């Protein structure tokens, strides 16, 4: 594998300044690229979480609507009185 070695001491002042500006520009572009990638990732994660929340909410609503719920009162009937038999029997 070939390696590239730049000897800055043999370069002129203009070339060294140009290499410095180029290196600084690459660092700044790299920083903004990473920042943009992090923002895009955060936005995708937020959209995915919002979608997941929306689907679970929708499923819970349909599950709640599946059953009829109402208030009710239990009314117990009194047991019928025992039959009255004549005294002689």
PDB file of N, CA and C in Angstrom:
ATOM      1  N   UNK A   1       0.847  -1.172   0.000  1.00  0.00           N
ATOM      2  CA  UNK A   1       0.000   0.000   0.000  1.00  0.00           C
ATOM      3  C   UNK A   1       0.890   1.232   0.000  1.00  0.00           C
ATOM      4  N   UNK A   2       0.615   2.139  -0.887  1.00  0.00           N
ATOM      5  CA  UNK A   2       1.425   3.344  -0.999  1.00  0.00           C
ATOM      6  C   UNK A   2       0.986   4.368   0.023  1.00  0.00           C
ATOM      7  N   UNK A   3       1.929   5.045   0.619  1.00  0.00           N
ATOM      8  CA  UNK A   3       1.642   6.084   1.596  1.00  0.00           C
ATOM      9  C   UNK A   3       2.048   7.429   1.014  1.00  0.00           C
ATOM     10  N   UNK A   4       1.282   8.429   1.325  1.00  0.00           N
ATOM     11  CA  UNK A   4       1.565   9.773   0.845  1.00  0.00           C
ATOM     12  C   UNK A   4       2.152  10.568   1.993  1.00  0.00           C
ATOM     13  N   UNK A   5       3.291  11.108   1.788  1.00  0.00           N
ATOM     14  CA  UNK A   5       3.952  11.902   2.820  1.00  0.00           C
ATOM     15  C   UNK A   5       4.207  13.287   2.262  1.00  0.00           C
ATOM     16  N   UNK A   6       3.715  14.273   2.964  1.00  0.00           N
ATOM     17  CA  UNK A   6       3.896  15.660   2.523  1.00  0.00           C
ATOM     18  C   UNK A   6       4.878  16.310   3.486  1.00  0.00           C
ATOM     19  N   UNK A   7       6.021  16.695   2.982  1.00  0.00           N
ATOM     20  CA  UNK A   7       7.016  17.372   3.798  1.00  0.00           C
ATOM     21  C   UNK A   7       6.756  18.864   3.688  1.00  0.00           C
ATOM     22  N   UNK A   8       6.186  19.423   4.749  1.00  0.00           N
ATOM     23  CA  UNK A   8       5.816  20.826   4.710  1.00  0.00           C
ATOM     24  C   UNK A   8       7.032  21.751   4.781  1.00  0.00           C
ATOM     25  N   UNK A   9       8.146  21.280   5.251  1.00  0.00           N
ATOM     26  CA  UNK A   9       9.329  22.140   5.360  1.00  0.00           C
ATOM     27  C   UNK A   9       9.922  22.445   3.990  1.00  0.00           C
ATOM     28  N   UNK A  10       9.691  21.576   3.035  1.00  0.00           N
ATOM     29  CA  UNK A  10      10.213  21.823   1.701  1.00  0.00           C
ATOM     30  C   UNK A  10       9.240  22.653   0.858  1.00  0.00           C
ATOM     31  N   UNK A  11       8.050  22.886   1.347  1.00  0.00           N
ATOM     32  CA  UNK A  11       7.045  23.646   0.612  1.00  0.00           C
ATOM     33  C   UNK A  11       7.254  25.138   0.864  1.00  0.00           C
ATOM     34  N   UNK A  12       6.699  25.915  -0.039  1.00  0.00           N
ATOM     35  CA  UNK A  12       6.787  27.368   0.129  1.00  0.00           C
ATOM     36  C   UNK A  12       5.736  27.822   1.140  1.00  0.00           C
ATOM     37  N   UNK A  13       5.844  29.042   1.539  1.00  0.00           N
ATOM     38  CA  UNK A  13       4.909  29.610   2.514  1.00  0.00           C
ATOM     39  C   UNK A  13       3.482  29.606   1.959  1.00  0.00           C
ATOM     40  N   UNK A  14       3.320  29.926   0.706  1.00  0.00           N
ATOM     41  CA  UNK A  14       1.985  29.947   0.088  1.00  0.00           C
ATOM     42  C   UNK A  14       1.364  28.555   0.094  1.00  0.00           C
ATOM     43  N   UNK A  15       2.170  27.533  -0.194  1.00  0.00           N
ATOM     44  CA  UNK A  15       1.648  26.158  -0.185  1.00  0.00           C
ATOM     45  C   UNK A  15       1.271  25.729   1.231  1.00  0.00           C
ATOM     46  N   UNK A  16       2.072  26.090   2.214  1.00  0.00           N
ATOM     47  CA  UNK A  16       1.746  25.732   3.606  1.00  0.00           C
ATOM     48  C   UNK A  16       0.453  26.413   4.048  1.00  0.00           C
ATOM     49  N   UNK A  17       0.269  27.675   3.666  1.00  0.00           N
ATOM     50  CA  UNK A  17      -0.969  28.381   4.023  1.00  0.00           C
ATOM     51  C   UNK A  17      -2.156  27.732   3.319  1.00  0.00           C
ATOM     52  N   UNK A  18      -1.970  27.375   2.072  1.00  0.00           N
ATOM     53  CA  UNK A  18      -3.038  26.719   1.312  1.00  0.00           C
ATOM     54  C   UNK A  18      -3.412  25.367   1.930  1.00  0.00           C
ATOM     55  N   UNK A  19      -2.394  24.575   2.330  1.00  0.00           N
ATOM     56  CA  UNK A  19      -2.681  23.292   2.998  1.00  0.00           C
ATOM     57  C   UNK A  19      -3.389  23.509   4.341  1.00  0.00           C
ATOM     58  N   UNK A  20      -2.997  24.547   5.056  1.00  0.00           N
ATOM     59  CA  UNK A  20      -3.653  24.862   6.338  1.00  0.00           C
ATOM     60  C   UNK A  20      -5.111  25.238   6.156  1.00  0.00           C
ATOM     61  N   UNK A  21      -5.363  26.084   5.139  1.00  0.00           N
ATOM     62  CA  UNK A  21      -6.744  26.494   4.851  1.00  0.00           C
ATOM     63  C   UNK A  21      -7.570  25.290   4.402  1.00  0.00           C
ATOM     64  N   UNK A  22      -6.983  24.432   3.589  1.00  0.00           N
ATOM     65  CA  UNK A  22      -7.672  23.233   3.123  1.00  0.00           C
ATOM     66  C   UNK A  22      -8.000  22.293   4.290  1.00  0.00           C
ATOM     67  N   UNK A  23      -7.038  22.112   5.187  1.00  0.00           N
ATOM     68  CA  UNK A  23      -7.278  21.254   6.358  1.00  0.00           C
ATOM     69  C   UNK A  23      -8.354  21.839   7.256  1.00  0.00           C
ATOM     70  N   UNK A  24      -8.324  23.148   7.461  1.00  0.00           N
ATOM     71  CA  UNK A  24      -9.342  23.808   8.274  1.00  0.00           C
ATOM     72  C   UNK A  24     -10.719  23.690   7.616  1.00  0.00           C
ATOM     73  N   UNK A  25     -10.765  23.864   6.300  1.00  0.00           N
ATOM     74  CA  UNK A  25     -12.044  23.736   5.586  1.00  0.00           C
ATOM     75  C   UNK A  25     -12.588  22.314   5.710  1.00  0.00           C
ATOM     76  N   UNK A  26     -11.716  21.317   5.608  1.00  0.00           N
ATOM     77  CA  UNK A  26     -12.166  19.929   5.756  1.00  0.00           C
ATOM     78  C   UNK A  26     -12.686  19.661   7.169  1.00  0.00           C
ATOM     79  N   UNK A  27     -12.043  20.221   8.168  1.00  0.00           N
ATOM     80  CA  UNK A  27     -12.521  20.054   9.545  1.00  0.00           C
ATOM     81  C   UNK A  27     -13.885  20.705   9.741  1.00  0.00           C
ATOM     82  N   UNK A  28     -14.048  21.909   9.212  1.00  0.00           N
ATOM     83  CA  UNK A  28     -15.338  22.605   9.351  1.00  0.00           C
ATOM     84  C   UNK A  28     -16.432  21.847   8.604  1.00  0.00           C
ATOM     85  N   UNK A  29     -16.130  21.401   7.381  1.00  0.00           N
ATOM     86  CA  UNK A  29     -17.133  20.634   6.629  1.00  0.00           C
ATOM     87  C   UNK A  29     -17.475  19.325   7.332  1.00  0.00           C
ATOM     88  N   UNK A  30     -16.476  18.674   7.882  1.00  0.00           N
ATOM     89  CA  UNK A  30     -16.720  17.445   8.628  1.00  0.00           C
ATOM     90  C   UNK A  30     -17.601  17.687   9.840  1.00  0.00           C
ATOM     91  N   UNK A  31     -17.326  18.795  10.559  1.00  0.00           N
ATOM     92  CA  UNK A  31     -18.143  19.124  11.731  1.00  0.00           C
ATOM     93  C   UNK A  31     -19.594  19.349  11.329  1.00  0.00           C
ATOM     94  N   UNK A  32     -19.824  20.135  10.272  1.00  0.00           N
ATOM     95  CA  UNK A  32     -21.197  20.409   9.855  1.00  0.00           C
ATOM     96  C   UNK A  32     -21.873  19.167   9.291  1.00  0.00           C
ATOM     97  N   UNK A  33     -21.127  18.297   8.633  1.00  0.00           N
ATOM     98  CA  UNK A  33     -21.701  17.057   8.142  1.00  0.00           C
ATOM     99  C   UNK A  33     -22.161  16.181   9.308  1.00  0.00           C
ATOM    100  N   UNK A  34     -21.321  16.066  10.334  1.00  0.00           N
ATOM    101  CA  UNK A  34     -21.693  15.258  11.507  1.00  0.00           C
ATOM    102  C   UNK A  34     -22.879  15.886  12.227  1.00  0.00           C
ATOM    103  N   UNK A  35     -22.884  17.220  12.353  1.00  0.00           N
ATOM    104  CA  UNK A  35     -24.013  17.895  12.998  1.00  0.00           C
ATOM    105  C   UNK A  35     -25.302  17.663  12.212  1.00  0.00           C
ATOM    106  N   UNK A  36     -25.237  17.772  10.890  1.00  0.00           N
ATOM    107  CA  UNK A  36     -26.432  17.551  10.075  1.00  0.00           C
ATOM    108  C   UNK A  36     -26.898  16.099  10.168  1.00  0.00           C
ATOM    109  N   UNK A  37     -25.959  15.169  10.213  1.00  0.00           N
ATOM    110  CA  UNK A  37     -26.327  13.753  10.338  1.00  0.00           C
ATOM    111  C   UNK A  37     -26.994  13.485  11.682  1.00  0.00           C
ATOM    112  N   UNK A  38     -26.498  14.106  12.742  1.00  0.00           N
ATOM    113  CA  UNK A  38     -27.119  13.923  14.068  1.00  0.00           C
ATOM    114  C   UNK A  38     -28.523  14.525  14.106  1.00  0.00           C
ATOM    115  N   UNK A  39     -28.699  15.690  13.516  1.00  0.00           N
ATOM    116  CA  UNK A  39     -30.029  16.312  13.481  1.00  0.00           C
ATOM    117  C   UNK A  39     -30.994  15.462  12.658  1.00  0.00           C
ATOM    118  N   UNK A  40     -30.538  14.978  11.521  1.00  0.00           N
ATOM    119  CA  UNK A  40     -31.400  14.127  10.690  1.00  0.00           C
ATOM    120  C   UNK A  40     -31.754  12.830  11.424  1.00  0.00           C
ATOM    121  N   UNK A  41     -30.801  12.248  12.111  1.00  0.00           N
ATOM    122  CA  UNK A  41     -31.079  11.037  12.889  1.00  0.00           C
ATOM    123  C   UNK A  41     -32.069  11.296  14.004  1.00  0.00           C
ATOM    124  N   UNK A  42     -31.924  12.432  14.682  1.00  0.00           N
ATOM    125  CA  UNK A  42     -32.863  12.778  15.753  1.00  0.00           C
ATOM    126  C   UNK A  42     -34.266  12.998  15.197  1.00  0.00           C
ATOM    127  N   UNK A  43     -34.340  13.630  14.037  1.00  0.00           N
ATOM    128  CA  UNK A  43     -35.662  13.844  13.429  1.00  0.00           C
ATOM    129  C   UNK A  43     -36.291  12.521  13.007  1.00  0.00           C
ATOM    130  N   UNK A  44     -35.519  11.622  12.438  1.00  0.00           N
ATOM    131  CA  UNK A  44     -36.056  10.312  12.060  1.00  0.00           C
ATOM    132  C   UNK A  44     -36.513   9.532  13.288  1.00  0.00           C
ATOM    133  N   UNK A  45     -35.741   9.606  14.354  1.00  0.00           N
ATOM    134  CA  UNK A  45     -36.139   8.915  15.587  1.00  0.00           C
ATOM    135  C   UNK A  45     -37.421   9.510  16.147  1.00  0.00           C
ATOM    136  N   UNK A  46     -37.550  10.832  16.112  1.00  0.00           N
ATOM    137  CA  UNK A  46     -38.768  11.478  16.605  1.00  0.00           C
ATOM    138  C   UNK A  46     -39.980  11.079  15.767  1.00  0.00           C
ATOM    139  N   UNK A  47     -39.819  11.025  14.458  1.00  0.00           N
ATOM    140  CA  UNK A  47     -40.928  10.621  13.584  1.00  0.00           C
ATOM    141  C   UNK A  47     -41.312   9.164  13.853  1.00  0.00           C
ATOM    142  N   UNK A  48     -40.317   8.305  14.040  1.00  0.00           N
ATOM    143  CA  UNK A  48     -40.598   6.892  14.310  1.00  0.00           C
ATOM    144  C   UNK A  48     -41.324   6.729  15.647  1.00  0.00           C
ATOM    145  N   UNK A  49     -40.885   7.459  16.677  1.00  0.00           N
ATOM    146  CA  UNK A  49     -41.558   7.377  17.979  1.00  0.00           C
ATOM    147  C   UNK A  49     -42.968   7.935  17.918  1.00  0.00           C
ATOM    148  N   UNK A  50     -43.146   9.023  17.184  1.00  0.00           N
ATOM    149  CA  UNK A  50     -44.484   9.602  17.033  1.00  0.00           C
ATOM    150  C   UNK A  50     -45.417   8.635  16.312  1.00  0.00           C
ATOM    151  N   UNK A  51     -44.924   7.990  15.286  1.00  0.00           N
ATOM    152  CA  UNK A  51     -45.728   7.007  14.553  1.00  0.00           C
ATOM    153  C   UNK A  51     -46.098   5.820  15.449  1.00  0.00           C
ATOM    154  N   UNK A  52     -45.124   5.350  16.224  1.00  0.00           N
ATOM    155  CA  UNK A  52     -45.392   4.237  17.143  1.00  0.00           C
ATOM    156  C   UNK A  52     -46.434   4.639  18.171  1.00  0.00           C
ATOM    157  N   UNK A  53     -46.330   5.852  18.736  1.00  0.00           N
ATOM    158  CA  UNK A  53     -47.314   6.328  19.710  1.00  0.00           C
ATOM    159  C   UNK A  53     -48.697   6.414  19.064  1.00  0.00           C
ATOM    160  N   UNK A  54     -48.750   6.920  17.838  1.00  0.00           N
ATOM    161  CA  UNK A  54     -50.032   7.074  17.150  1.00  0.00           C
ATOM    162  C   UNK A  54     -50.688   5.716  16.923  1.00  0.00           C
ATOM    163  N   UNK A  55     -49.928   4.716  16.498  1.00  0.00           N
ATOM    164  CA  UNK A  55     -50.501   3.391  16.248  1.00  0.00           C
ATOM    165  C   UNK A  55     -50.983   2.738  17.537  1.00  0.00           C
ATOM    166  N   UNK A  56     -50.212   2.837  18.618  1.00  0.00           N
ATOM    167  CA  UNK A  56     -50.657   2.237  19.885  1.00  0.00           C
ATOM    168  C   UNK A  56     -51.900   2.945  20.403  1.00  0.00           C
ATOM    169  N   UNK A  57     -51.978   4.265  20.234  1.00  0.00           N
ATOM    170  CA  UNK A  57     -53.164   5.010  20.659  1.00  0.00           C
ATOM    171  C   UNK A  57     -54.380   4.556  19.863  1.00  0.00           C
ATOM    172  N   UNK A  58     -54.186   4.377  18.574  1.00  0.00           N
ATOM    173  CA  UNK A  58     -55.286   3.949  17.711  1.00  0.00           C
ATOM    174  C   UNK A  58     -55.752   2.539  18.087  1.00  0.00           C
ATOM    175  N   UNK A  59     -54.804   1.654  18.365  1.00  0.00           N
ATOM    176  CA  UNK A  59     -55.167   0.293  18.771  1.00  0.00           C
ATOM    177  C   UNK A  59     -55.894   0.279  20.101  1.00  0.00           C
ATOM    178  N   UNK A  60     -55.482   1.123  21.040  1.00  0.00           N
ATOM    179  CA  UNK A  60     -56.168   1.185  22.334  1.00  0.00           C
ATOM    180  C   UNK A  60     -57.592   1.697  22.174  1.00  0.00           C
ATOM    181  N   UNK A  61     -57.787   2.684  21.305  1.00  0.00           N
ATOM    182  CA  UNK A  61     -59.142   3.200  21.085  1.00  0.00           C
ATOM    183  C   UNK A  61     -60.056   2.130  20.496  1.00  0.00           C
ATOM    184  N   UNK A  62     -59.564   1.386  19.517  1.00  0.00           N
ATOM    185  CA  UNK A  62     -60.404   0.352  18.914  1.00  0.00           C
ATOM    186  C   UNK A  62     -60.679  -0.770  19.920  1.00  0.00           C
ATOM    187  N   UNK A  63     -59.724  -1.049  20.785  1.00  0.00           N
ATOM    188  CA  UNK A  63     -59.934  -2.077  21.804  1.00  0.00           C
ATOM    189  C   UNK A  63     -60.984  -1.616  22.819  1.00  0.00           C
ATOM    190  N   UNK A  64     -60.953  -0.327  23.184  1.00  0.00           N
ATOM    191  CA  UNK A  64     -61.945   0.191  24.127  1.00  0.00           C
ATOM    192  C   UNK A  64     -63.339   0.228  23.496  1.00  0.00           C
ATOM    193  N   UNK A  65     -63.424   0.516  22.211  1.00  0.00           N
ATOM    194  CA  UNK A  65     -64.718   0.573  21.538  1.00  0.00           C
ATOM    195  C   UNK A  65     -65.279  -0.813  21.255  1.00  0.00           C
ATOM    196  N   UNK A  66     -64.480  -1.805  21.436  1.00  0.00           N
ATOM    197  CA  UNK A  66     -64.913  -3.171  21.166  1.00  0.00           C
ATOM    198  C   UNK A  66     -65.960  -3.638  22.189  1.00  0.00           C
ATOM    199  N   UNK A  67     -65.865  -3.148  23.391  1.00  0.00           N
ATOM    200  CA  UNK A  67     -66.758  -3.557  24.466  1.00  0.00           C
ATOM    201  C   UNK A  67     -67.709  -2.414  24.798  1.00  0.00           C
ATOM    202  N   UNK A  68     -68.927  -2.784  25.167  1.00  0.00           N
ATOM    203  CA  UNK A  68     -69.909  -1.796  25.576  1.00  0.00           C
ATOM    204  C   UNK A  68     -69.738  -1.589  27.074  1.00  0.00           C
ATOM    205  N   UNK A  69     -69.598  -0.364  27.463  1.00  0.00           N
ATOM    206  CA  UNK A  69     -69.469  -0.084  28.893  1.00  0.00           C
ATOM    207  C   UNK A  69     -70.572   0.884  29.291  1.00  0.00           C
ATOM    208  N   UNK A  70     -71.201   0.588  30.407  1.00  0.00           N
ATOM    209  CA  UNK A  70     -72.274   1.441  30.897  1.00  0.00           C
ATOM    210  C   UNK A  70     -72.401   1.236  32.396  1.00  0.00           C
ATOM    211  N   UNK A  71     -73.086   2.157  33.029  1.00  0.00           N
ATOM    212  CA  UNK A  71     -73.345   2.002  34.458  1.00  0.00           C
ATOM    213  C   UNK A  71     -74.622   1.177  34.623  1.00  0.00           C
ATOM    214  N   UNK A  72     -74.625   0.372  35.644  1.00  0.00           N
ATOM    215  CA  UNK A  72     -75.803  -0.441  35.891  1.00  0.00           C
ATOM    216  C   UNK A  72     -75.959  -0.652  37.393  1.00  0.00           C
ATOM    217  N   UNK A  73     -77.177  -1.035  37.788  1.00  0.00           N
ATOM    218  CA  UNK A  73     -77.497  -1.321  39.181  1.00  0.00           C
ATOM    219  C   UNK A  73     -78.091  -2.711  39.254  1.00  0.00           C
ATOM    220  N   UNK A  74     -77.592  -3.493  40.187  1.00  0.00           N
ATOM    221  CA  UNK A  74     -78.096  -4.853  40.353  1.00  0.00           C
ATOM    222  C   UNK A  74     -79.339  -4.790  41.239  1.00  0.00           C
ATOM    223  N   UNK A  75     -80.420  -5.308  40.700  1.00  0.00           N
ATOM    224  CA  UNK A  75     -81.679  -5.342  41.444  1.00  0.00           C
ATOM    225  C   UNK A  75     -81.974  -6.796  41.760  1.00  0.00           C
ATOM    226  N   UNK A  76     -82.091  -7.096  43.048  1.00  0.00           N
ATOM    227  CA  UNK A  76     -82.411  -8.469  43.451  1.00  0.00           C
ATOM    228  C   UNK A  76     -83.880  -8.530  43.825  1.00  0.00           C
ATOM    229  N   UNK A  77     -84.514  -9.557  43.344  1.00  0.00           N
ATOM    230  CA  UNK A  77     -85.927  -9.735  43.683  1.00  0.00           C
ATOM    231  C   UNK A  77     -86.014 -10.424  45.039  1.00  0.00           C
ATOM    232  N   UNK A  78     -87.019 -10.043  45.767  1.00  0.00           N
ATOM    233  CA  UNK A  78     -87.249 -10.687  47.063  1.00  0.00           C
ATOM    234  C   UNK A  78     -87.801 -12.086  46.810  1.00  0.00           C
ATOM    235  N   UNK A  79     -87.367 -13.002  47.625  1.00  0.00           N
ATOM    236  CA  UNK A  79     -87.872 -14.366  47.444  1.00  0.00           C
ATOM    237  C   UNK A  79     -89.365 -14.397  47.787  1.00  0.00           C
ATOM    238  N   UNK A  80     -90.116 -15.217  47.071  1.00  0.00           N
ATOM    239  CA  UNK A  80     -91.572 -15.243  47.333  1.00  0.00           C
ATOM    240  C   UNK A  80     -91.838 -15.795  48.741  1.00  0.00           C
ATOM    241  N   UNK A  81     -92.883 -15.320  49.341  1.00  0.00           N
ATOM    242  CA  UNK A  81     -93.198 -15.810  50.694  1.00  0.00           C
ATOM    243  C   UNK A  81     -93.579 -17.289  50.643  1.00  0.00           C
ATOM    244  N   UNK A  82     -93.321 -18.008  51.727  1.00  0.00           N
ATOM    245  CA  UNK A  82     -93.680 -19.434  51.714  1.00  0.00           C
ATOM    246  C   UNK A  82     -95.196 -19.591  51.580  1.00  0.00           C
ATOM    247  N   UNK A  83     -95.622 -20.643  50.959  1.00  0.00           N
ATOM    248  CA  UNK A  83     -97.073 -20.807  50.777  1.00  0.00           C
ATOM    249  C   UNK A  83     -97.754 -21.038  52.137  1.00  0.00           C
ATOM    250  N   UNK A  84     -98.943 -20.491  52.266  1.00  0.00           N
ATOM    251  CA  UNK A  84     -99.696 -20.662  53.515  1.00  0.00           C
ATOM    252  C   UNK A  84    -100.564 -21.917  53.404  1.00  0.00           C
ATOM    253  N   UNK A  85    -100.318 -22.766  54.290  1.00  0.00           N
ATOM    254  CA  UNK A  85    -101.108 -23.988  54.318  1.00  0.00           C
ATOM    255  C   UNK A  85    -102.201 -23.854  55.409  1.00  0.00           C
ATOM    256  N   UNK A  86    -103.316 -24.482  55.189  1.00  0.00           N
ATOM    257  CA  UNK A  86    -104.327 -24.428  56.257  1.00  0.00           C
ATOM    258  C   UNK A  86    -103.792 -25.093  57.522  1.00  0.00           C
ATOM    259  N   UNK A  87    -104.290 -24.709  58.651  1.00  0.00           N
ATOM    260  CA  UNK A  87    -103.785 -25.197  59.936  1.00  0.00           C
ATOM    261  C   UNK A  87    -103.981 -26.705  60.113  1.00  0.00           C
ATOM    262  N   UNK A  88    -104.977 -27.254  59.582  1.00  0.00           N
ATOM    263  CA  UNK A  88    -105.254 -28.658  59.784  1.00  0.00           C
ATOM    264  C   UNK A  88    -104.398 -29.583  58.925  1.00  0.00           C
ATOM    265  N   UNK A  89    -103.786 -29.176  58.072  1.00  0.00           N
ATOM    266  CA  UNK A  89    -103.053 -30.075  57.175  1.00  0.00           C
ATOM    267  C   UNK A  89    -101.637 -30.215  57.554  1.00  0.00           C
TER     268      UNK A  89
END
